[in-house]
Amino acid sequence: MSITWSDFEKIDIRVGTILEVNEFPKAKKPAYQLLIDFGELGLKRSSAQITFFYNREALVGRQIIAVVNFPPKQIANFISECLVLGVYTEEKNVVLLQPDQPVANGWKIG
């Protein structure tokens, strides 16, 4: 299915830095609860199924790319406010997308 340029422009994709990572034992699939700094957009929380390749300590301070304009979504007892983006392996594990150079939090992807 094709989309138009105006469809793409509706998606707000930004760079953020992970500030905090917590275990999420109530999630159906293994996941972390993340607190992410998006600069001028503020702090947002996300549930991310990224436990296969990443431990909590390695994630703190890492820049990621996320969709920030989805409505909040309740996952178990947690409200997820953005969708962290990654690539699925054949085994459905997630490899995070990230900028290859440090950039300011909140900068828009386009």
PDB file of N, CA and C in Angstrom:
ATOM      1  N   MET A   1       0.836  -1.169   0.000  1.00  0.00           N
ATOM      2  CA  MET A   1       0.000   0.000   0.000  1.00  0.00           C
ATOM      3  C   MET A   1       0.888   1.242   0.000  1.00  0.00           C
ATOM      4  N   SER A   2       0.593   2.153  -0.849  1.00  0.00           N
ATOM      5  CA  SER A   2       1.323   3.414  -0.935  1.00  0.00           C
ATOM      6  C   SER A   2       0.678   4.450  -0.021  1.00  0.00           C
ATOM      7  N   ILE A   3       1.513   5.372   0.479  1.00  0.00           N
ATOM      8  CA  ILE A   3       1.000   6.498   1.230  1.00  0.00           C
ATOM      9  C   ILE A   3       1.440   7.775   0.515  1.00  0.00           C
ATOM     10  N   THR A   4       0.782   8.862   0.841  1.00  0.00           N
ATOM     11  CA  THR A   4       1.145  10.135   0.244  1.00  0.00           C
ATOM     12  C   THR A   4       2.157  10.846   1.143  1.00  0.00           C
ATOM     13  N   TRP A   5       2.785  11.889   0.608  1.00  0.00           N
ATOM     14  CA  TRP A   5       3.702  12.692   1.403  1.00  0.00           C
ATOM     15  C   TRP A   5       2.978  13.286   2.605  1.00  0.00           C
ATOM     16  N   SER A   6       1.739  13.729   2.408  1.00  0.00           N
ATOM     17  CA  SER A   6       0.991  14.310   3.532  1.00  0.00           C
ATOM     18  C   SER A   6       0.712  13.260   4.612  1.00  0.00           C
ATOM     19  N   ASP A   7       0.547  11.978   4.222  1.00  0.00           N
ATOM     20  CA  ASP A   7       0.409  10.907   5.220  1.00  0.00           C
ATOM     21  C   ASP A   7       1.682  10.809   6.061  1.00  0.00           C
ATOM     22  N   PHE A   8       2.826  10.816   5.406  1.00  0.00           N
ATOM     23  CA  PHE A   8       4.110  10.709   6.106  1.00  0.00           C
ATOM     24  C   PHE A   8       4.329  11.895   7.047  1.00  0.00           C
ATOM     25  N   GLU A   9       3.926  13.090   6.605  1.00  0.00           N
ATOM     26  CA  GLU A   9       4.122  14.288   7.421  1.00  0.00           C
ATOM     27  C   GLU A   9       3.333  14.266   8.729  1.00  0.00           C
ATOM     28  N   LYS A  10       2.311  13.424   8.809  1.00  0.00           N
ATOM     29  CA  LYS A  10       1.519  13.303  10.035  1.00  0.00           C
ATOM     30  C   LYS A  10       2.266  12.553  11.131  1.00  0.00           C
ATOM     31  N   ILE A  11       3.276  11.790  10.769  1.00  0.00           N
ATOM     32  CA  ILE A  11       4.020  10.999  11.747  1.00  0.00           C
ATOM     33  C   ILE A  11       5.146  11.867  12.312  1.00  0.00           C
ATOM     34  N   ASP A  12       5.129  12.055  13.612  1.00  0.00           N
ATOM     35  CA  ASP A  12       6.150  12.874  14.274  1.00  0.00           C
ATOM     36  C   ASP A  12       7.198  11.934  14.873  1.00  0.00           C
ATOM     37  N   ILE A  13       8.335  11.836  14.200  1.00  0.00           N
ATOM     38  CA  ILE A  13       9.413  10.940  14.614  1.00  0.00           C
ATOM     39  C   ILE A  13      10.569  11.800  15.118  1.00  0.00           C
ATOM     40  N   ARG A  14      11.009  11.523  16.339  1.00  0.00           N
ATOM     41  CA  ARG A  14      12.018  12.365  16.983  1.00  0.00           C
ATOM     42  C   ARG A  14      13.132  11.530  17.600  1.00  0.00           C
ATOM     43  N   VAL A  15      14.239  12.216  17.878  1.00  0.00           N
ATOM     44  CA  VAL A  15      15.359  11.617  18.599  1.00  0.00           C
ATOM     45  C   VAL A  15      15.203  11.938  20.078  1.00  0.00           C
ATOM     46  N   GLY A  16      15.467  10.940  20.912  1.00  0.00           N
ATOM     47  CA  GLY A  16      15.447  11.145  22.358  1.00  0.00           C
ATOM     48  C   GLY A  16      16.561  10.354  23.013  1.00  0.00           C
ATOM     49  N   THR A  17      16.857  10.685  24.258  1.00  0.00           N
ATOM     50  CA  THR A  17      17.867   9.978  25.029  1.00  0.00           C
ATOM     51  C   THR A  17      17.202   9.263  26.195  1.00  0.00           C
ATOM     52  N   ILE A  18      17.507   7.994  26.344  1.00  0.00           N
ATOM     53  CA  ILE A  18      16.951   7.198  27.436  1.00  0.00           C
ATOM     54  C   ILE A  18      17.602   7.635  28.747  1.00  0.00           C
ATOM     55  N   LEU A  19      16.768   8.044  29.705  1.00  0.00           N
ATOM     56  CA  LEU A  19      17.256   8.484  31.008  1.00  0.00           C
ATOM     57  C   LEU A  19      17.144   7.403  32.075  1.00  0.00           C
ATOM     58  N   GLU A  20      16.117   6.567  31.945  1.00  0.00           N
ATOM     59  CA  GLU A  20      15.824   5.589  32.987  1.00  0.00           C
ATOM     60  C   GLU A  20      15.257   4.331  32.353  1.00  0.00           C
ATOM     61  N   VAL A  21      15.657   3.177  32.892  1.00  0.00           N
ATOM     62  CA  VAL A  21      15.170   1.883  32.398  1.00  0.00           C
ATOM     63  C   VAL A  21      14.759   1.043  33.600  1.00  0.00           C
ATOM     64  N   ASN A  22      13.518   0.564  33.588  1.00  0.00           N
ATOM     65  CA  ASN A  22      13.020  -0.290  34.673  1.00  0.00           C
ATOM     66  C   ASN A  22      12.492  -1.599  34.115  1.00  0.00           C
ATOM     67  N   GLU A  23      12.584  -2.625  34.915  1.00  0.00           N
ATOM     68  CA  GLU A  23      11.984  -3.910  34.558  1.00  0.00           C
ATOM     69  C   GLU A  23      10.474  -3.719  34.435  1.00  0.00           C
ATOM     70  N   PHE A  24       9.836  -4.586  33.641  1.00  0.00           N
ATOM     71  CA  PHE A  24       8.390  -4.511  33.448  1.00  0.00           C
ATOM     72  C   PHE A  24       7.805  -5.918  33.583  1.00  0.00           C
ATOM     73  N   PRO A  25       7.747  -6.428  34.800  1.00  0.00           N
ATOM     74  CA  PRO A  25       7.307  -7.818  35.002  1.00  0.00           C
ATOM     75  C   PRO A  25       5.855  -8.085  34.612  1.00  0.00           C
ATOM     76  N   LYS A  26       5.010  -7.055  34.571  1.00  0.00           N
ATOM     77  CA  LYS A  26       3.592  -7.265  34.228  1.00  0.00           C
ATOM     78  C   LYS A  26       3.336  -7.297  32.723  1.00  0.00           C
ATOM     79  N   ALA A  27       4.338  -7.007  31.909  1.00  0.00           N
ATOM     80  CA  ALA A  27       4.165  -7.056  30.450  1.00  0.00           C
ATOM     81  C   ALA A  27       3.983  -8.503  29.998  1.00  0.00           C
ATOM     82  N   LYS A  28       3.163  -8.711  28.969  1.00  0.00           N
ATOM     83  CA  LYS A  28       2.934 -10.065  28.441  1.00  0.00           C
ATOM     84  C   LYS A  28       4.196 -10.647  27.825  1.00  0.00           C
ATOM     85  N   LYS A  29       4.943  -9.805  27.088  1.00  0.00           N
ATOM     86  CA  LYS A  29       6.220 -10.208  26.495  1.00  0.00           C
ATOM     87  C   LYS A  29       7.323  -9.433  27.213  1.00  0.00           C
ATOM     88  N   PRO A  30       8.534  -9.997  27.304  1.00  0.00           N
ATOM     89  CA  PRO A  30       9.606  -9.293  28.013  1.00  0.00           C
ATOM     90  C   PRO A  30       9.806  -7.874  27.476  1.00  0.00           C
ATOM     91  N   ALA A  31       9.815  -6.902  28.392  1.00  0.00           N
ATOM     92  CA  ALA A  31       9.920  -5.497  28.004  1.00  0.00           C
ATOM     93  C   ALA A  31      10.536  -4.697  29.149  1.00  0.00           C
ATOM     94  N   TYR A  32      10.972  -3.499  28.792  1.00  0.00           N
ATOM     95  CA  TYR A  32      11.425  -2.522  29.775  1.00  0.00           C
ATOM     96  C   TYR A  32      10.472  -1.337  29.759  1.00  0.00           C
ATOM     97  N   GLN A  33      10.421  -0.621  30.874  1.00  0.00           N
ATOM     98  CA  GLN A  33       9.762   0.674  30.944  1.00  0.00           C
ATOM     99  C   GLN A  33      10.861   1.720  30.810  1.00  0.00           C
ATOM    100  N   LEU A  34      10.732   2.591  29.822  1.00  0.00           N
ATOM    101  CA  LEU A  34      11.756   3.598  29.550  1.00  0.00           C
ATOM    102  C   LEU A  34      11.227   4.993  29.870  1.00  0.00           C
ATOM    103  N   LEU A  35      12.114   5.855  30.352  1.00  0.00           N
ATOM    104  CA  LEU A  35      11.854   7.279  30.458  1.00  0.00           C
ATOM    105  C   LEU A  35      12.821   7.951  29.497  1.00  0.00           C
ATOM    106  N   ILE A  36      12.273   8.715  28.532  1.00  0.00           N
ATOM    107  CA  ILE A  36      13.068   9.251  27.428  1.00  0.00           C
ATOM    108  C   ILE A  36      12.945  10.770  27.390  1.00  0.00           C
ATOM    109  N   ASP A  37      14.080  11.451  27.228  1.00  0.00           N
ATOM    110  CA  ASP A  37      14.132  12.912  27.121  1.00  0.00           C
ATOM    111  C   ASP A  37      14.058  13.305  25.647  1.00  0.00           C
ATOM    112  N   PHE A  38      12.999  14.031  25.281  1.00  0.00           N
ATOM    113  CA  PHE A  38      12.827  14.516  23.913  1.00  0.00           C
ATOM    114  C   PHE A  38      13.021  16.029  23.825  1.00  0.00           C
ATOM    115  N   GLY A  39      13.900  16.567  24.653  1.00  0.00           N
ATOM    116  CA  GLY A  39      14.217  17.990  24.582  1.00  0.00           C
ATOM    117  C   GLY A  39      13.008  18.857  24.831  1.00  0.00           C
ATOM    118  N   GLU A  40      12.706  19.748  23.871  1.00  0.00           N
ATOM    119  CA  GLU A  40      11.599  20.706  24.027  1.00  0.00           C
ATOM    120  C   GLU A  40      10.245  20.018  24.177  1.00  0.00           C
ATOM    121  N   LEU A  41      10.128  18.759  23.739  1.00  0.00           N
ATOM    122  CA  LEU A  41       8.867  18.020  23.888  1.00  0.00           C
ATOM    123  C   LEU A  41       8.712  17.448  25.287  1.00  0.00           C
ATOM    124  N   GLY A  42       9.780  17.468  26.073  1.00  0.00           N
ATOM    125  CA  GLY A  42       9.721  16.968  27.442  1.00  0.00           C
ATOM    126  C   GLY A  42      10.057  15.493  27.553  1.00  0.00           C
ATOM    127  N   LEU A  43       9.693  14.925  28.689  1.00  0.00           N
ATOM    128  CA  LEU A  43       9.952  13.521  28.986  1.00  0.00           C
ATOM    129  C   LEU A  43       8.737  12.691  28.605  1.00  0.00           C
ATOM    130  N   LYS A  44       9.000  11.517  28.017  1.00  0.00           N
ATOM    131  CA  LYS A  44       7.925  10.585  27.673  1.00  0.00           C
ATOM    132  C   LYS A  44       8.323   9.194  28.127  1.00  0.00           C
ATOM    133  N   ARG A  45       7.311   8.399  28.436  1.00  0.00           N
ATOM    134  CA  ARG A  45       7.527   7.012  28.854  1.00  0.00           C
ATOM    135  C   ARG A  45       7.161   6.078  27.713  1.00  0.00           C
ATOM    136  N   SER A  46       7.851   4.938  27.674  1.00  0.00           N
ATOM    137  CA  SER A  46       7.557   3.943  26.642  1.00  0.00           C
ATOM    138  C   SER A  46       7.800   2.556  27.188  1.00  0.00           C
ATOM    139  N   SER A  47       6.960   1.626  26.785  1.00  0.00           N
ATOM    140  CA  SER A  47       7.208   0.206  27.020  1.00  0.00           C
ATOM    141  C   SER A  47       7.872  -0.321  25.751  1.00  0.00           C
ATOM    142  N   ALA A  48       9.034  -0.958  25.911  1.00  0.00           N
ATOM    143  CA  ALA A  48       9.779  -1.407  24.733  1.00  0.00           C
ATOM    144  C   ALA A  48      10.235  -2.850  24.906  1.00  0.00           C
ATOM    145  N   GLN A  49       9.923  -3.675  23.924  1.00  0.00           N
ATOM    146  CA  GLN A  49      10.320  -5.088  23.934  1.00  0.00           C
ATOM    147  C   GLN A  49      11.723  -5.228  23.338  1.00  0.00           C
ATOM    148  N   ILE A  50      12.705  -4.754  24.093  1.00  0.00           N
ATOM    149  CA  ILE A  50      14.083  -4.698  23.608  1.00  0.00           C
ATOM    150  C   ILE A  50      15.043  -5.429  24.550  1.00  0.00           C
ATOM    151  N   THR A  51      14.508  -6.400  25.283  1.00  0.00           N
ATOM    152  CA  THR A  51      15.308  -7.074  26.316  1.00  0.00           C
ATOM    153  C   THR A  51      16.287  -8.096  25.758  1.00  0.00           C
ATOM    154  N   PHE A  52      16.115  -8.543  24.529  1.00  0.00           N
ATOM    155  CA  PHE A  52      16.969  -9.610  23.998  1.00  0.00           C
ATOM    156  C   PHE A  52      18.404  -9.125  23.763  1.00  0.00           C
ATOM    157  N   PHE A  53      18.558  -7.972  23.127  1.00  0.00           N
ATOM    158  CA  PHE A  53      19.890  -7.464  22.785  1.00  0.00           C
ATOM    159  C   PHE A  53      20.443  -6.437  23.781  1.00  0.00           C
ATOM    160  N   TYR A  54      19.591  -5.894  24.653  1.00  0.00           N
ATOM    161  CA  TYR A  54      20.003  -4.767  25.483  1.00  0.00           C
ATOM    162  C   TYR A  54      19.736  -5.026  26.961  1.00  0.00           C
ATOM    163  N   ASN A  55      20.738  -4.735  27.795  1.00  0.00           N
ATOM    164  CA  ASN A  55      20.493  -4.766  29.232  1.00  0.00           C
ATOM    165  C   ASN A  55      20.223  -3.339  29.699  1.00  0.00           C
ATOM    166  N   ARG A  56      19.698  -3.211  30.893  1.00  0.00           N
ATOM    167  CA  ARG A  56      19.273  -1.904  31.395  1.00  0.00           C
ATOM    168  C   ARG A  56      20.412  -0.893  31.420  1.00  0.00           C
ATOM    169  N   GLU A  57      21.571  -1.318  31.890  1.00  0.00           N
ATOM    170  CA  GLU A  57      22.698  -0.399  32.030  1.00  0.00           C
ATOM    171  C   GLU A  57      23.164   0.134  30.673  1.00  0.00           C
ATOM    172  N   ALA A  58      23.140  -0.710  29.642  1.00  0.00           N
ATOM    173  CA  ALA A  58      23.599  -0.303  28.309  1.00  0.00           C
ATOM    174  C   ALA A  58      22.636   0.680  27.643  1.00  0.00           C
ATOM    175  N   LEU A  59      21.403   0.723  28.096  1.00  0.00           N
ATOM    176  CA  LEU A  59      20.406   1.596  27.470  1.00  0.00           C
ATOM    177  C   LEU A  59      20.426   3.023  28.010  1.00  0.00           C
ATOM    178  N   VAL A  60      20.795   3.202  29.262  1.00  0.00           N
ATOM    179  CA  VAL A  60      20.798   4.541  29.849  1.00  0.00           C
ATOM    180  C   VAL A  60      21.829   5.408  29.126  1.00  0.00           C
ATOM    181  N   GLY A  61      21.371   6.559  28.631  1.00  0.00           N
ATOM    182  CA  GLY A  61      22.232   7.477  27.889  1.00  0.00           C
ATOM    183  C   GLY A  61      22.246   7.245  26.391  1.00  0.00           C
ATOM    184  N   ARG A  62      21.607   6.189  25.921  1.00  0.00           N
ATOM    185  CA  ARG A  62      21.575   5.873  24.487  1.00  0.00           C
ATOM    186  C   ARG A  62      20.513   6.710  23.794  1.00  0.00           C
ATOM    187  N   GLN A  63      20.850   7.250  22.634  1.00  0.00           N
ATOM    188  CA  GLN A  63      19.854   7.950  21.831  1.00  0.00           C
ATOM    189  C   GLN A  63      19.071   6.944  20.996  1.00  0.00           C
ATOM    190  N   ILE A  64      17.780   7.204  20.888  1.00  0.00           N
ATOM    191  CA  ILE A  64      16.885   6.329  20.126  1.00  0.00           C
ATOM    192  C   ILE A  64      16.017   7.199  19.223  1.00  0.00           C
ATOM    193  N   ILE A  65      15.261   6.539  18.376  1.00  0.00           N
ATOM    194  CA  ILE A  65      14.311   7.211  17.493  1.00  0.00           C
ATOM    195  C   ILE A  65      12.923   6.663  17.826  1.00  0.00           C
ATOM    196  N   ALA A  66      11.945   7.582  17.944  1.00  0.00           N
ATOM    197  CA  ALA A  66      10.607   7.150  18.355  1.00  0.00           C
ATOM    198  C   ALA A  66       9.535   7.999  17.688  1.00  0.00           C
ATOM    199  N   VAL A  67       8.365   7.394  17.515  1.00  0.00           N
ATOM    200  CA  VAL A  67       7.163   8.117  17.097  1.00  0.00           C
ATOM    201  C   VAL A  67       6.563   8.711  18.368  1.00  0.00           C
ATOM    202  N   VAL A  68       6.369  10.037  18.368  1.00  0.00           N
ATOM    203  CA  VAL A  68       5.933  10.702  19.595  1.00  0.00           C
ATOM    204  C   VAL A  68       4.496  11.227  19.553  1.00  0.00           C
ATOM    205  N   ASN A  69       3.785  11.010  18.446  1.00  0.00           N
ATOM    206  CA  ASN A  69       2.429  11.561  18.379  1.00  0.00           C
ATOM    207  C   ASN A  69       1.324  10.499  18.296  1.00  0.00           C
ATOM    208  N   PHE A  70       1.602   9.287  18.776  1.00  0.00           N
ATOM    209  CA  PHE A  70       0.524   8.326  18.993  1.00  0.00           C
ATOM    210  C   PHE A  70      -0.197   8.713  20.284  1.00  0.00           C
ATOM    211  N   PRO A  71      -1.476   8.380  20.407  1.00  0.00           N
ATOM    212  CA  PRO A  71      -2.135   8.617  21.699  1.00  0.00           C
ATOM    213  C   PRO A  71      -1.532   7.678  22.747  1.00  0.00           C
ATOM    214  N   PRO A  72      -1.562   8.073  24.021  1.00  0.00           N
ATOM    215  CA  PRO A  72      -1.051   7.183  25.075  1.00  0.00           C
ATOM    216  C   PRO A  72      -1.769   5.837  25.033  1.00  0.00           C
ATOM    217  N   LYS A  73      -1.022   4.781  25.346  1.00  0.00           N
ATOM    218  CA  LYS A  73      -1.570   3.426  25.312  1.00  0.00           C
ATOM    219  C   LYS A  73      -1.271   2.738  26.630  1.00  0.00           C
ATOM    220  N   GLN A  74      -2.299   2.160  27.236  1.00  0.00           N
ATOM    221  CA  GLN A  74      -2.088   1.432  28.487  1.00  0.00           C
ATOM    222  C   GLN A  74      -1.612   0.021  28.180  1.00  0.00           C
ATOM    223  N   ILE A  75      -0.492  -0.355  28.792  1.00  0.00           N
ATOM    224  CA  ILE A  75       0.069  -1.695  28.681  1.00  0.00           C
ATOM    225  C   ILE A  75       0.216  -2.205  30.108  1.00  0.00           C
ATOM    226  N   ALA A  76      -0.617  -3.168  30.477  1.00  0.00           N
ATOM    227  CA  ALA A  76      -0.707  -3.638  31.865  1.00  0.00           C
ATOM    228  C   ALA A  76      -0.974  -2.422  32.754  1.00  0.00           C
ATOM    229  N   ASN A  77      -0.113  -2.161  33.734  1.00  0.00           N
ATOM    230  CA  ASN A  77      -0.329  -1.047  34.661  1.00  0.00           C
ATOM    231  C   ASN A  77       0.506   0.190  34.291  1.00  0.00           C
ATOM    232  N   PHE A  78       0.894   0.317  33.022  1.00  0.00           N
ATOM    233  CA  PHE A  78       1.826   1.343  32.571  1.00  0.00           C
ATOM    234  C   PHE A  78       1.235   2.084  31.370  1.00  0.00           C
ATOM    235  N   ILE A  79       1.421   3.401  31.316  1.00  0.00           N
ATOM    236  CA  ILE A  79       0.968   4.192  30.166  1.00  0.00           C
ATOM    237  C   ILE A  79       2.177   4.483  29.287  1.00  0.00           C
ATOM    238  N   SER A  80       2.144   3.989  28.047  1.00  0.00           N
ATOM    239  CA  SER A  80       3.208   4.219  27.076  1.00  0.00           C
ATOM    240  C   SER A  80       2.825   5.419  26.222  1.00  0.00           C
ATOM    241  N   GLU A  81       3.749   6.407  26.127  1.00  0.00           N
ATOM    242  CA  GLU A  81       3.453   7.665  25.454  1.00  0.00           C
ATOM    243  C   GLU A  81       4.139   7.836  24.102  1.00  0.00           C
ATOM    244  N   CYS A  82       4.982   6.893  23.725  1.00  0.00           N
ATOM    245  CA  CYS A  82       5.660   6.962  22.430  1.00  0.00           C
ATOM    246  C   CYS A  82       6.061   5.557  22.013  1.00  0.00           C
ATOM    247  N   LEU A  83       6.402   5.399  20.737  1.00  0.00           N
ATOM    248  CA  LEU A  83       6.794   4.102  20.193  1.00  0.00           C
ATOM    249  C   LEU A  83       8.255   4.161  19.776  1.00  0.00           C
ATOM    250  N   VAL A  84       9.099   3.445  20.505  1.00  0.00           N
ATOM    251  CA  VAL A  84      10.512   3.362  20.170  1.00  0.00           C
ATOM    252  C   VAL A  84      10.652   2.473  18.935  1.00  0.00           C
ATOM    253  N   LEU A  85      11.430   2.918  17.943  1.00  0.00           N
ATOM    254  CA  LEU A  85      11.534   2.213  16.670  1.00  0.00           C
ATOM    255  C   LEU A  85      12.755   1.304  16.621  1.00  0.00           C
ATOM    256  N   GLY A  86      12.579   0.178  15.959  1.00  0.00           N
ATOM    257  CA  GLY A  86      13.669  -0.770  15.784  1.00  0.00           C
ATOM    258  C   GLY A  86      13.401  -1.670  14.598  1.00  0.00           C
ATOM    259  N   VAL A  87      14.378  -2.503  14.317  1.00  0.00           N
ATOM    260  CA  VAL A  87      14.305  -3.474  13.226  1.00  0.00           C
ATOM    261  C   VAL A  87      14.066  -4.849  13.833  1.00  0.00           C
ATOM    262  N   TYR A  88      13.116  -5.594  13.278  1.00  0.00           N
ATOM    263  CA  TYR A  88      12.857  -6.955  13.748  1.00  0.00           C
ATOM    264  C   TYR A  88      13.800  -7.942  13.062  1.00  0.00           C
ATOM    265  N   THR A  89      14.438  -8.791  13.851  1.00  0.00           N
ATOM    266  CA  THR A  89      15.219  -9.883  13.286  1.00  0.00           C
ATOM    267  C   THR A  89      14.257 -10.985  12.865  1.00  0.00           C
ATOM    268  N   GLU A  90      14.782 -12.023  12.222  1.00  0.00           N
ATOM    269  CA  GLU A  90      13.938 -13.162  11.832  1.00  0.00           C
ATOM    270  C   GLU A  90      13.279 -13.805  13.041  1.00  0.00           C
ATOM    271  N   GLU A  91      13.926 -13.714  14.212  1.00  0.00           N
ATOM    272  CA  GLU A  91      13.384 -14.300  15.444  1.00  0.00           C
ATOM    273  C   GLU A  91      12.465 -13.329  16.181  1.00  0.00           C
ATOM    274  N   LYS A  92      12.181 -12.164  15.570  1.00  0.00           N
ATOM    275  CA  LYS A  92      11.304 -11.124  16.132  1.00  0.00           C
ATOM    276  C   LYS A  92      11.914 -10.406  17.332  1.00  0.00           C
ATOM    277  N   ASN A  93      13.243 -10.399  17.433  1.00  0.00           N
ATOM    278  CA  ASN A  93      13.926  -9.578  18.425  1.00  0.00           C
ATOM    279  C   ASN A  93      14.179  -8.207  17.807  1.00  0.00           C
ATOM    280  N   VAL A  94      14.296  -7.179  18.638  1.00  0.00           N
ATOM    281  CA  VAL A  94      14.378  -5.811  18.147  1.00  0.00           C
ATOM    282  C   VAL A  94      15.795  -5.249  18.262  1.00  0.00           C
ATOM    283  N   VAL A  95      16.275  -4.685  17.147  1.00  0.00           N
ATOM    284  CA  VAL A  95      17.521  -3.927  17.107  1.00  0.00           C
ATOM    285  C   VAL A  95      17.117  -2.456  16.984  1.00  0.00           C
ATOM    286  N   LEU A  96      17.528  -1.635  17.932  1.00  0.00           N
ATOM    287  CA  LEU A  96      17.111  -0.235  17.963  1.00  0.00           C
ATOM    288  C   LEU A  96      17.636   0.571  16.788  1.00  0.00           C
ATOM    289  N   LEU A  97      16.815   1.511  16.325  1.00  0.00           N
ATOM    290  CA  LEU A  97      17.269   2.529  15.381  1.00  0.00           C
ATOM    291  C   LEU A  97      17.836   3.679  16.198  1.00  0.00           C
ATOM    292  N   GLN A  98      18.947   4.226  15.734  1.00  0.00           N
ATOM    293  CA  GLN A  98      19.546   5.356  16.443  1.00  0.00           C
ATOM    294  C   GLN A  98      20.385   6.168  15.475  1.00  0.00           C
ATOM    295  N   PRO A  99      20.580   7.465  15.767  1.00  0.00           N
ATOM    296  CA  PRO A  99      21.445   8.273  14.905  1.00  0.00           C
ATOM    297  C   PRO A  99      22.889   7.803  15.030  1.00  0.00           C
ATOM    298  N   ASP A 100      23.668   7.929  13.950  1.00  0.00           N
ATOM    299  CA  ASP A 100      25.062   7.486  14.021  1.00  0.00           C
ATOM    300  C   ASP A 100      25.997   8.580  14.520  1.00  0.00           C
ATOM    301  N   GLN A 101      25.442   9.766  14.803  1.00  0.00           N
ATOM    302  CA  GLN A 101      26.174  10.865  15.429  1.00  0.00           C
ATOM    303  C   GLN A 101      25.276  11.429  16.532  1.00  0.00           C
ATOM    304  N   PRO A 102      25.853  11.929  17.626  1.00  0.00           N
ATOM    305  CA  PRO A 102      25.017  12.553  18.652  1.00  0.00           C
ATOM    306  C   PRO A 102      24.292  13.783  18.089  1.00  0.00           C
ATOM    307  N   VAL A 103      23.022  13.908  18.395  1.00  0.00           N
ATOM    308  CA  VAL A 103      22.215  15.060  17.971  1.00  0.00           C
ATOM    309  C   VAL A 103      21.384  15.532  19.157  1.00  0.00           C
ATOM    310  N   ALA A 104      20.770  16.693  19.023  1.00  0.00           N
ATOM    311  CA  ALA A 104      19.967  17.252  20.112  1.00  0.00           C
ATOM    312  C   ALA A 104      18.687  16.455  20.290  1.00  0.00           C
ATOM    313  N   ASN A 105      18.323  16.232  21.551  1.00  0.00           N
ATOM    314  CA  ASN A 105      17.054  15.566  21.851  1.00  0.00           C
ATOM    315  C   ASN A 105      15.900  16.386  21.292  1.00  0.00           C
ATOM    316  N   GLY A 106      14.952  15.694  20.685  1.00  0.00           N
ATOM    317  CA  GLY A 106      13.773  16.342  20.127  1.00  0.00           C
ATOM    318  C   GLY A 106      13.874  16.669  18.658  1.00  0.00           C
ATOM    319  N   TRP A 107      15.087  16.547  18.088  1.00  0.00           N
ATOM    320  CA  TRP A 107      15.200  16.831  16.651  1.00  0.00           C
ATOM    321  C   TRP A 107      14.329  15.876  15.862  1.00  0.00           C
ATOM    322  N   LYS A 108      13.701  16.412  14.822  1.00  0.00           N
ATOM    323  CA  LYS A 108      12.728  15.678  14.010  1.00  0.00           C
ATOM    324  C   LYS A 108      13.403  14.859  12.923  1.00  0.00           C
ATOM    325  N   ILE A 109      12.873  13.650  12.712  1.00  0.00           N
ATOM    326  CA  ILE A 109      13.309  12.774  11.624  1.00  0.00           C
ATOM    327  C   ILE A 109      12.465  13.104  10.413  1.00  0.00           C
ATOM    328  N   GLY A 110      13.087  13.167   9.252  1.00  0.00           N
ATOM    329  CA  GLY A 110      12.323  13.476   8.040  1.00  0.00           C
ATOM    330  C   GLY A 110      12.985  12.904   6.820  1.00  0.00           C
TER     331      GLY A 110
END
